Amino acid sequence: PELVKNNQNGLIFEDENQLYEQLLLVSKDAKLL
């Protein structure tokens, strides 16, 4: 959290399922990215 602020300058994940969901999200949501 000293560097990455979730949903501000990046996304933080806890496990491979969250990473998968985040990769899908940023690949589909150009506005968010």
Full PDB file with SEQRES, HELIX, SHEET, SSBOND, CRYST1, ORIGX, SCALE, CONECT and MASTER records, all heavy atoms in Angstrom:
SEQRES   1 A   33  PRO GLU LEU VAL LYS ASN ASN GLN ASN GLY LEU ILE PHE          
SEQRES   2 A   33  GLU ASP GLU ASN GLN LEU TYR GLU GLN LEU LEU LEU VAL          
SEQRES   3 A   33  SER LYS ASP ALA LYS LEU LEU                                  
HELIX    1 AA1 GLU A   16  LYS A   28  1                                  13    
CRYST1    1.000    1.000    1.000  90.00  90.00  90.00 P 1           1          
ORIGX1      1.000000  0.000000  0.000000        0.00000                         
ORIGX2      0.000000  1.000000  0.000000        0.00000                         
ORIGX3      0.000000  0.000000  1.000000        0.00000                         
SCALE1      1.000000  0.000000  0.000000        0.00000                         
SCALE2      0.000000  1.000000  0.000000        0.00000                         
SCALE3      0.000000  0.000000  1.000000        0.00000                         
ATOM      1  N   PRO A   1       0.793  -1.240   0.000  1.00  0.00           N  
ATOM      2  CA  PRO A   1       0.000   0.000   0.000  1.00  0.00           C  
ATOM      3  C   PRO A   1       0.826   1.291   0.000  1.00  0.00           C  
ATOM      4  O   PRO A   1       0.309   2.353  -0.302  1.00  0.00           O  
ATOM      5  CB  PRO A   1      -0.840  -0.115   1.277  1.00  0.00           C  
ATOM      6  CG  PRO A   1      -0.951  -1.581   1.513  1.00  0.00           C  
ATOM      7  CD  PRO A   1       0.384  -2.144   1.066  1.00  0.00           C  
ATOM      8  N   GLU A   2       2.112   1.183   0.311  1.00  0.00           N  
ATOM      9  CA  GLU A   2       2.977   2.357   0.212  1.00  0.00           C  
ATOM     10  C   GLU A   2       3.104   2.810  -1.241  1.00  0.00           C  
ATOM     11  O   GLU A   2       3.348   3.989  -1.505  1.00  0.00           O  
ATOM     12  CB  GLU A   2       4.360   2.052   0.773  1.00  0.00           C  
ATOM     13  CG  GLU A   2       4.369   1.779   2.262  1.00  0.00           C  
ATOM     14  CD  GLU A   2       5.740   1.372   2.756  1.00  0.00           C  
ATOM     15  OE1 GLU A   2       6.756   1.629   2.073  1.00  0.00           O  
ATOM     16  OE2 GLU A   2       5.796   0.793   3.855  1.00  0.00           O  
ATOM     17  N   LEU A   3       2.958   1.892  -2.185  1.00  0.00           N  
ATOM     18  CA  LEU A   3       3.113   2.194  -3.599  1.00  0.00           C  
ATOM     19  C   LEU A   3       1.809   2.080  -4.379  1.00  0.00           C  
ATOM     20  O   LEU A   3       1.448   2.981  -5.124  1.00  0.00           O  
ATOM     21  CB  LEU A   3       4.149   1.254  -4.230  1.00  0.00           C  
ATOM     22  CG  LEU A   3       5.575   1.363  -3.738  1.00  0.00           C  
ATOM     23  CD1 LEU A   3       6.416   0.227  -4.313  1.00  0.00           C  
ATOM     24  CD2 LEU A   3       6.162   2.699  -4.136  1.00  0.00           C  
ATOM     25  N   VAL A   4       1.141   0.956  -4.228  1.00  0.00           N  
ATOM     26  CA  VAL A   4      -0.060   0.685  -5.030  1.00  0.00           C  
ATOM     27  C   VAL A   4      -1.293   1.008  -4.203  1.00  0.00           C  
ATOM     28  O   VAL A   4      -1.500   0.451  -3.131  1.00  0.00           O  
ATOM     29  CB  VAL A   4      -0.111  -0.782  -5.495  1.00  0.00           C  
ATOM     30  CG1 VAL A   4      -1.355  -1.033  -6.327  1.00  0.00           C  
ATOM     31  CG2 VAL A   4       1.135  -1.135  -6.288  1.00  0.00           C  
ATOM     32  N   LYS A   5      -2.083   1.924  -4.737  1.00  0.00           N  
ATOM     33  CA  LYS A   5      -3.365   2.280  -4.120  1.00  0.00           C  
ATOM     34  C   LYS A   5      -4.447   1.617  -4.946  1.00  0.00           C  
ATOM     35  O   LYS A   5      -4.662   1.979  -6.102  1.00  0.00           O  
ATOM     36  CB  LYS A   5      -3.507   3.791  -4.077  1.00  0.00           C  
ATOM     37  CG  LYS A   5      -2.471   4.435  -3.157  1.00  0.00           C  
ATOM     38  CD  LYS A   5      -2.297   5.900  -3.467  1.00  0.00           C  
ATOM     39  CE  LYS A   5      -1.126   6.493  -2.715  1.00  0.00           C  
ATOM     40  NZ  LYS A   5       0.156   6.072  -3.214  1.00  0.00           N  
ATOM     41  N   ASN A   6      -5.108   0.625  -4.335  1.00  0.00           N  
ATOM     42  CA  ASN A   6      -6.080  -0.190  -5.049  1.00  0.00           C  
ATOM     43  C   ASN A   6      -7.159   0.668  -5.715  1.00  0.00           C  
ATOM     44  O   ASN A   6      -7.718   1.566  -5.095  1.00  0.00           O  
ATOM     45  CB  ASN A   6      -6.721  -1.202  -4.095  1.00  0.00           C  
ATOM     46  CG  ASN A   6      -7.387  -2.334  -4.821  1.00  0.00           C  
ATOM     47  OD1 ASN A   6      -6.859  -2.845  -5.805  1.00  0.00           O  
ATOM     48  ND2 ASN A   6      -8.534  -2.736  -4.347  1.00  0.00           N  
ATOM     49  N   ASN A   7      -7.401   0.390  -6.984  1.00  0.00           N  
ATOM     50  CA  ASN A   7      -8.377   1.107  -7.816  1.00  0.00           C  
ATOM     51  C   ASN A   7      -7.988   2.559  -8.101  1.00  0.00           C  
ATOM     52  O   ASN A   7      -8.800   3.333  -8.592  1.00  0.00           O  
ATOM     53  CB  ASN A   7      -9.786   1.059  -7.216  1.00  0.00           C  
ATOM     54  CG  ASN A   7     -10.379  -0.309  -7.304  1.00  0.00           C  
ATOM     55  OD1 ASN A   7     -10.333  -0.949  -8.350  1.00  0.00           O  
ATOM     56  ND2 ASN A   7     -10.923  -0.782  -6.201  1.00  0.00           N  
ATOM     57  N   GLN A   8      -6.765   2.923  -7.776  1.00  0.00           N  
ATOM     58  CA  GLN A   8      -6.303   4.271  -8.102  1.00  0.00           C  
ATOM     59  C   GLN A   8      -5.150   4.208  -9.105  1.00  0.00           C  
ATOM     60  O   GLN A   8      -5.234   4.806 -10.168  1.00  0.00           O  
ATOM     61  CB  GLN A   8      -5.877   5.020  -6.848  1.00  0.00           C  
ATOM     62  CG  GLN A   8      -5.473   6.447  -7.128  1.00  0.00           C  
ATOM     63  CD  GLN A   8      -5.132   7.219  -5.871  1.00  0.00           C  
ATOM     64  OE1 GLN A   8      -5.536   6.862  -4.777  1.00  0.00           O  
ATOM     65  NE2 GLN A   8      -4.380   8.285  -6.035  1.00  0.00           N  
ATOM     66  N   ASN A   9      -4.070   3.524  -8.753  1.00  0.00           N  
ATOM     67  CA  ASN A   9      -2.940   3.402  -9.673  1.00  0.00           C  
ATOM     68  C   ASN A   9      -2.636   1.937 -10.009  1.00  0.00           C  
ATOM     69  O   ASN A   9      -1.619   1.631 -10.588  1.00  0.00           O  
ATOM     70  CB  ASN A   9      -1.697   4.101  -9.125  1.00  0.00           C  
ATOM     71  CG  ASN A   9      -1.232   3.542  -7.804  1.00  0.00           C  
ATOM     72  OD1 ASN A   9      -1.747   2.551  -7.308  1.00  0.00           O  
ATOM     73  ND2 ASN A   9      -0.247   4.203  -7.216  1.00  0.00           N  
ATOM     74  N   GLY A  10      -3.545   1.088  -9.614  1.00  0.00           N  
ATOM     75  CA  GLY A  10      -3.395  -0.335  -9.887  1.00  0.00           C  
ATOM     76  C   GLY A  10      -4.455  -1.132  -9.167  1.00  0.00           C  
ATOM     77  O   GLY A  10      -5.373  -0.568  -8.576  1.00  0.00           O  
ATOM     78  N   LEU A  11      -4.311  -2.428  -9.226  1.00  0.00           N  
ATOM     79  CA  LEU A  11      -5.235  -3.338  -8.557  1.00  0.00           C  
ATOM     80  C   LEU A  11      -4.432  -4.334  -7.744  1.00  0.00           C  
ATOM     81  O   LEU A  11      -3.379  -4.800  -8.182  1.00  0.00           O  
ATOM     82  CB  LEU A  11      -6.099  -4.079  -9.584  1.00  0.00           C  
ATOM     83  CG  LEU A  11      -6.972  -3.208 -10.475  1.00  0.00           C  
ATOM     84  CD1 LEU A  11      -7.618  -4.058 -11.569  1.00  0.00           C  
ATOM     85  CD2 LEU A  11      -8.031  -2.480  -9.666  1.00  0.00           C  
ATOM     86  N   ILE A  12      -4.924  -4.642  -6.558  1.00  0.00           N  
ATOM     87  CA  ILE A  12      -4.248  -5.577  -5.665  1.00  0.00           C  
ATOM     88  C   ILE A  12      -5.082  -6.848  -5.590  1.00  0.00           C  
ATOM     89  O   ILE A  12      -6.294  -6.780  -5.427  1.00  0.00           O  
ATOM     90  CB  ILE A  12      -4.070  -4.959  -4.266  1.00  0.00           C  
ATOM     91  CG1 ILE A  12      -3.200  -3.698  -4.366  1.00  0.00           C  
ATOM     92  CG2 ILE A  12      -3.458  -5.978  -3.310  1.00  0.00           C  
ATOM     93  CD1 ILE A  12      -3.110  -2.908  -3.077  1.00  0.00           C  
ATOM     94  N   PHE A  13      -4.417  -7.984  -5.724  1.00  0.00           N  
ATOM     95  CA  PHE A  13      -5.129  -9.253  -5.642  1.00  0.00           C  
ATOM     96  C   PHE A  13      -4.564 -10.120  -4.527  1.00  0.00           C  
ATOM     97  O   PHE A  13      -3.415  -9.949  -4.116  1.00  0.00           O  
ATOM     98  CB  PHE A  13      -5.097 -10.000  -6.984  1.00  0.00           C  
ATOM     99  CG  PHE A  13      -3.724 -10.333  -7.491  1.00  0.00           C  
ATOM    100  CD1 PHE A  13      -3.111 -11.524  -7.149  1.00  0.00           C  
ATOM    101  CD2 PHE A  13      -3.052  -9.458  -8.336  1.00  0.00           C  
ATOM    102  CE1 PHE A  13      -1.843 -11.840  -7.613  1.00  0.00           C  
ATOM    103  CE2 PHE A  13      -1.783  -9.768  -8.812  1.00  0.00           C  
ATOM    104  CZ  PHE A  13      -1.185 -10.963  -8.453  1.00  0.00           C  
ATOM    105  N   GLU A  14      -5.397 -11.038  -4.035  1.00  0.00           N  
ATOM    106  CA  GLU A  14      -5.020 -11.940  -2.950  1.00  0.00           C  
ATOM    107  C   GLU A  14      -4.654 -13.332  -3.448  1.00  0.00           C  
ATOM    108  O   GLU A  14      -3.876 -14.033  -2.812  1.00  0.00           O  
ATOM    109  CB  GLU A  14      -6.171 -12.080  -1.948  1.00  0.00           C  
ATOM    110  CG  GLU A  14      -6.574 -10.791  -1.273  1.00  0.00           C  
ATOM    111  CD  GLU A  14      -5.697 -10.425  -0.101  1.00  0.00           C  
ATOM    112  OE1 GLU A  14      -5.045 -11.339   0.457  1.00  0.00           O  
ATOM    113  OE2 GLU A  14      -5.658  -9.237   0.237  1.00  0.00           O  
ATOM    114  N   ASP A  15      -5.249 -13.742  -4.572  1.00  0.00           N  
ATOM    115  CA  ASP A  15      -5.017 -15.100  -5.065  1.00  0.00           C  
ATOM    116  C   ASP A  15      -5.179 -15.136  -6.587  1.00  0.00           C  
ATOM    117  O   ASP A  15      -5.488 -14.117  -7.211  1.00  0.00           O  
ATOM    118  CB  ASP A  15      -5.964 -16.100  -4.399  1.00  0.00           C  
ATOM    119  CG  ASP A  15      -7.430 -15.779  -4.600  1.00  0.00           C  
ATOM    120  OD1 ASP A  15      -7.797 -15.221  -5.662  1.00  0.00           O  
ATOM    121  OD2 ASP A  15      -8.236 -16.089  -3.704  1.00  0.00           O  
ATOM    122  N   GLU A  16      -4.952 -16.314  -7.163  1.00  0.00           N  
ATOM    123  CA  GLU A  16      -4.991 -16.436  -8.623  1.00  0.00           C  
ATOM    124  C   GLU A  16      -6.384 -16.159  -9.199  1.00  0.00           C  
ATOM    125  O   GLU A  16      -6.503 -15.656 -10.320  1.00  0.00           O  
ATOM    126  CB  GLU A  16      -4.489 -17.804  -9.082  1.00  0.00           C  
ATOM    127  CG  GLU A  16      -5.325 -18.987  -8.636  1.00  0.00           C  
ATOM    128  CD  GLU A  16      -4.993 -19.532  -7.260  1.00  0.00           C  
ATOM    129  OE1 GLU A  16      -4.133 -18.983  -6.551  1.00  0.00           O  
ATOM    130  OE2 GLU A  16      -5.618 -20.544  -6.891  1.00  0.00           O  
ATOM    131  N   ASN A  17      -7.425 -16.439  -8.425  1.00  0.00           N  
ATOM    132  CA  ASN A  17      -8.774 -16.155  -8.911  1.00  0.00           C  
ATOM    133  C   ASN A  17      -9.026 -14.652  -9.034  1.00  0.00           C  
ATOM    134  O   ASN A  17      -9.604 -14.189 -10.015  1.00  0.00           O  
ATOM    135  CB  ASN A  17      -9.832 -16.794  -8.003  1.00  0.00           C  
ATOM    136  CG  ASN A  17      -9.806 -18.302  -8.078  1.00  0.00           C  
ATOM    137  OD1 ASN A  17      -9.569 -18.876  -9.133  1.00  0.00           O  
ATOM    138  ND2 ASN A  17     -10.008 -18.952  -6.951  1.00  0.00           N  
ATOM    139  N   GLN A  18      -8.580 -13.889  -8.049  1.00  0.00           N  
ATOM    140  CA  GLN A  18      -8.716 -12.439  -8.128  1.00  0.00           C  
ATOM    141  C   GLN A  18      -7.876 -11.871  -9.265  1.00  0.00           C  
ATOM    142  O   GLN A  18      -8.313 -10.950  -9.954  1.00  0.00           O  
ATOM    143  CB  GLN A  18      -8.311 -11.777  -6.812  1.00  0.00           C  
ATOM    144  CG  GLN A  18      -9.357 -11.872  -5.744  1.00  0.00           C  
ATOM    145  CD  GLN A  18      -8.949 -11.109  -4.496  1.00  0.00           C  
ATOM    146  OE1 GLN A  18      -7.757 -10.961  -4.191  1.00  0.00           O  
ATOM    147  NE2 GLN A  18      -9.938 -10.623  -3.774  1.00  0.00           N  
ATOM    148  N   LEU A  19      -6.672 -12.391  -9.448  1.00  0.00           N  
ATOM    149  CA  LEU A  19      -5.838 -11.932 -10.559  1.00  0.00           C  
ATOM    150  C   LEU A  19      -6.540 -12.190 -11.883  1.00  0.00           C  
ATOM    151  O   LEU A  19      -6.588 -11.311 -12.749  1.00  0.00           O  
ATOM    152  CB  LEU A  19      -4.473 -12.629 -10.547  1.00  0.00           C  
ATOM    153  CG  LEU A  19      -3.569 -12.344 -11.748  1.00  0.00           C  
ATOM    154  CD1 LEU A  19      -3.277 -10.850 -11.883  1.00  0.00           C  
ATOM    155  CD2 LEU A  19      -2.288 -13.155 -11.644  1.00  0.00           C  
ATOM    156  N   TYR A  20      -7.099 -13.371 -12.038  1.00  0.00           N  
ATOM    157  CA  TYR A  20      -7.839 -13.722 -13.259  1.00  0.00           C  
ATOM    158  C   TYR A  20      -8.969 -12.729 -13.501  1.00  0.00           C  
ATOM    159  O   TYR A  20      -9.120 -12.209 -14.613  1.00  0.00           O  
ATOM    160  CB  TYR A  20      -8.378 -15.147 -13.132  1.00  0.00           C  
ATOM    161  CG  TYR A  20      -9.286 -15.559 -14.260  1.00  0.00           C  
ATOM    162  CD1 TYR A  20      -8.767 -15.917 -15.498  1.00  0.00           C  
ATOM    163  CD2 TYR A  20     -10.662 -15.599 -14.083  1.00  0.00           C  
ATOM    164  CE1 TYR A  20      -9.598 -16.290 -16.539  1.00  0.00           C  
ATOM    165  CE2 TYR A  20     -11.503 -15.972 -15.118  1.00  0.00           C  
ATOM    166  CZ  TYR A  20     -10.972 -16.316 -16.348  1.00  0.00           C  
ATOM    167  OH  TYR A  20     -11.798 -16.681 -17.367  1.00  0.00           O  
ATOM    168  N   GLU A  21      -9.748 -12.449 -12.464  1.00  0.00           N  
ATOM    169  CA  GLU A  21     -10.869 -11.514 -12.591  1.00  0.00           C  
ATOM    170  C   GLU A  21     -10.388 -10.109 -12.946  1.00  0.00           C  
ATOM    171  O   GLU A  21     -10.994  -9.413 -13.763  1.00  0.00           O  
ATOM    172  CB  GLU A  21     -11.697 -11.482 -11.305  1.00  0.00           C  
ATOM    173  CG  GLU A  21     -12.443 -12.758 -11.018  1.00  0.00           C  
ATOM    174  CD  GLU A  21     -13.473 -13.104 -12.083  1.00  0.00           C  
ATOM    175  OE1 GLU A  21     -14.113 -12.188 -12.626  1.00  0.00           O  
ATOM    176  OE2 GLU A  21     -13.625 -14.312 -12.379  1.00  0.00           O  
ATOM    177  N   GLN A  22      -9.293  -9.688 -12.336  1.00  0.00           N  
ATOM    178  CA  GLN A  22      -8.760  -8.354 -12.627  1.00  0.00           C  
ATOM    179  C   GLN A  22      -8.215  -8.264 -14.049  1.00  0.00           C  
ATOM    180  O   GLN A  22      -8.388  -7.237 -14.717  1.00  0.00           O  
ATOM    181  CB  GLN A  22      -7.688  -7.979 -11.610  1.00  0.00           C  
ATOM    182  CG  GLN A  22      -8.268  -7.722 -10.240  1.00  0.00           C  
ATOM    183  CD  GLN A  22      -7.214  -7.475  -9.191  1.00  0.00           C  
ATOM    184  OE1 GLN A  22      -6.010  -7.576  -9.444  1.00  0.00           O  
ATOM    185  NE2 GLN A  22      -7.659  -7.172  -7.983  1.00  0.00           N  
ATOM    186  N   LEU A  23      -7.559  -9.304 -14.514  1.00  0.00           N  
ATOM    187  CA  LEU A  23      -7.069  -9.317 -15.898  1.00  0.00           C  
ATOM    188  C   LEU A  23      -8.232  -9.232 -16.879  1.00  0.00           C  
ATOM    189  O   LEU A  23      -8.162  -8.486 -17.867  1.00  0.00           O  
ATOM    190  CB  LEU A  23      -6.225 -10.560 -16.171  1.00  0.00           C  
ATOM    191  CG  LEU A  23      -4.848 -10.580 -15.521  1.00  0.00           C  
ATOM    192  CD1 LEU A  23      -4.225 -11.958 -15.632  1.00  0.00           C  
ATOM    193  CD2 LEU A  23      -3.948  -9.524 -16.138  1.00  0.00           C  
ATOM    194  N   LEU A  24      -9.290  -9.963 -16.598  1.00  0.00           N  
ATOM    195  CA  LEU A  24     -10.490  -9.864 -17.440  1.00  0.00           C  
ATOM    196  C   LEU A  24     -11.067  -8.452 -17.391  1.00  0.00           C  
ATOM    197  O   LEU A  24     -11.429  -7.883 -18.422  1.00  0.00           O  
ATOM    198  CB  LEU A  24     -11.553 -10.869 -17.000  1.00  0.00           C  
ATOM    199  CG  LEU A  24     -11.320 -12.327 -17.326  1.00  0.00           C  
ATOM    200  CD1 LEU A  24     -12.468 -13.168 -16.764  1.00  0.00           C  
ATOM    201  CD2 LEU A  24     -11.190 -12.549 -18.817  1.00  0.00           C  
ATOM    202  N   LEU A  25     -11.151  -7.905 -16.205  1.00  0.00           N  
ATOM    203  CA  LEU A  25     -11.732  -6.576 -16.027  1.00  0.00           C  
ATOM    204  C   LEU A  25     -10.976  -5.513 -16.827  1.00  0.00           C  
ATOM    205  O   LEU A  25     -11.586  -4.757 -17.584  1.00  0.00           O  
ATOM    206  CB  LEU A  25     -11.733  -6.217 -14.542  1.00  0.00           C  
ATOM    207  CG  LEU A  25     -12.303  -4.859 -14.161  1.00  0.00           C  
ATOM    208  CD1 LEU A  25     -13.779  -4.772 -14.523  1.00  0.00           C  
ATOM    209  CD2 LEU A  25     -12.099  -4.608 -12.673  1.00  0.00           C  
ATOM    210  N   VAL A  26      -9.655  -5.453 -16.665  1.00  0.00           N  
ATOM    211  CA  VAL A  26      -8.902  -4.408 -17.365  1.00  0.00           C  
ATOM    212  C   VAL A  26      -8.826  -4.653 -18.865  1.00  0.00           C  
ATOM    213  O   VAL A  26      -8.660  -3.708 -19.632  1.00  0.00           O  
ATOM    214  CB  VAL A  26      -7.491  -4.178 -16.772  1.00  0.00           C  
ATOM    215  CG1 VAL A  26      -7.582  -3.676 -15.349  1.00  0.00           C  
ATOM    216  CG2 VAL A  26      -6.627  -5.412 -16.861  1.00  0.00           C  
ATOM    217  N   SER A  27      -8.976  -5.901 -19.288  1.00  0.00           N  
ATOM    218  CA  SER A  27      -8.957  -6.162 -20.729  1.00  0.00           C  
ATOM    219  C   SER A  27     -10.290  -5.803 -21.377  1.00  0.00           C  
ATOM    220  O   SER A  27     -10.347  -5.503 -22.567  1.00  0.00           O  
ATOM    221  CB  SER A  27      -8.589  -7.622 -21.022  1.00  0.00           C  
ATOM    222  OG  SER A  27      -9.594  -8.499 -20.574  1.00  0.00           O  
ATOM    223  N   LYS A  28     -11.370  -5.814 -20.591  1.00  0.00           N  
ATOM    224  CA  LYS A  28     -12.694  -5.495 -21.123  1.00  0.00           C  
ATOM    225  C   LYS A  28     -13.119  -4.056 -20.868  1.00  0.00           C  
ATOM    226  O   LYS A  28     -13.959  -3.522 -21.584  1.00  0.00           O  
ATOM    227  CB  LYS A  28     -13.744  -6.417 -20.495  1.00  0.00           C  
ATOM    228  CG  LYS A  28     -13.631  -7.856 -20.920  1.00  0.00           C  
ATOM    229  CD  LYS A  28     -14.707  -8.693 -20.254  1.00  0.00           C  
ATOM    230  CE  LYS A  28     -14.608 -10.141 -20.667  1.00  0.00           C  
ATOM    231  NZ  LYS A  28     -15.650 -10.960 -20.010  1.00  0.00           N  
ATOM    232  N   ASP A  29     -12.565  -3.436 -19.840  1.00  0.00           N  
ATOM    233  CA  ASP A  29     -13.010  -2.096 -19.429  1.00  0.00           C  
ATOM    234  C   ASP A  29     -11.924  -1.070 -19.744  1.00  0.00           C  
ATOM    235  O   ASP A  29     -11.097  -0.739 -18.889  1.00  0.00           O  
ATOM    236  CB  ASP A  29     -13.344  -2.114 -17.942  1.00  0.00           C  
ATOM    237  CG  ASP A  29     -14.029  -0.846 -17.449  1.00  0.00           C  
ATOM    238  OD1 ASP A  29     -13.988   0.173 -18.162  1.00  0.00           O  
ATOM    239  OD2 ASP A  29     -14.610  -0.894 -16.355  1.00  0.00           O  
ATOM    240  N   ALA A  30     -11.958  -0.559 -20.955  1.00  0.00           N  
ATOM    241  CA  ALA A  30     -10.945   0.403 -21.389  1.00  0.00           C  
ATOM    242  C   ALA A  30     -10.994   1.678 -20.558  1.00  0.00           C  
ATOM    243  O   ALA A  30      -9.958   2.317 -20.319  1.00  0.00           O  
ATOM    244  CB  ALA A  30     -11.131   0.732 -22.869  1.00  0.00           C  
ATOM    245  N   LYS A  31     -12.178   2.042 -20.091  1.00  0.00           N  
ATOM    246  CA  LYS A  31     -12.317   3.251 -19.273  1.00  0.00           C  
ATOM    247  C   LYS A  31     -11.557   3.091 -17.951  1.00  0.00           C  
ATOM    248  O   LYS A  31     -10.841   3.997 -17.530  1.00  0.00           O  
ATOM    249  CB  LYS A  31     -13.793   3.545 -19.017  1.00  0.00           C  
ATOM    250  CG  LYS A  31     -14.040   4.821 -18.280  1.00  0.00           C  
ATOM    251  CD  LYS A  31     -15.536   5.091 -18.143  1.00  0.00           C  
ATOM    252  CE  LYS A  31     -15.776   6.357 -17.354  1.00  0.00           C  
ATOM    253  NZ  LYS A  31     -17.204   6.621 -17.175  1.00  0.00           N  
ATOM    254  N   LEU A  32     -11.722   1.939 -17.295  1.00  0.00           N  
ATOM    255  CA  LEU A  32     -11.009   1.680 -16.045  1.00  0.00           C  
ATOM    256  C   LEU A  32      -9.510   1.683 -16.278  1.00  0.00           C  
ATOM    257  O   LEU A  32      -8.765   2.344 -15.548  1.00  0.00           O  
ATOM    258  CB  LEU A  32     -11.434   0.335 -15.440  1.00  0.00           C  
ATOM    259  CG  LEU A  32     -10.608  -0.142 -14.240  1.00  0.00           C  
ATOM    260  CD1 LEU A  32     -10.724   0.817 -13.067  1.00  0.00           C  
ATOM    261  CD2 LEU A  32     -11.003  -1.552 -13.849  1.00  0.00           C  
ATOM    262  N   LEU A  33      -9.057   0.965 -17.285  1.00  0.00           N  
ATOM    263  CA  LEU A  33      -7.628   0.908 -17.572  1.00  0.00           C  
ATOM    264  C   LEU A  33      -7.086   2.296 -17.882  1.00  0.00           C  
ATOM    265  O   LEU A  33      -6.015   2.683 -17.406  1.00  0.00           O  
ATOM    266  CB  LEU A  33      -7.346  -0.057 -18.727  1.00  0.00           C  
ATOM    267  CG  LEU A  33      -5.885  -0.309 -19.046  1.00  0.00           C  
ATOM    268  CD1 LEU A  33      -5.133  -0.840 -17.836  1.00  0.00           C  
ATOM    269  CD2 LEU A  33      -5.766  -1.260 -20.219  1.00  0.00           C  
TER     270      LEU A  33                                                      
MASTER        0    0    0    1    0    0    0    6  269    1    0    3          
END                                                                             
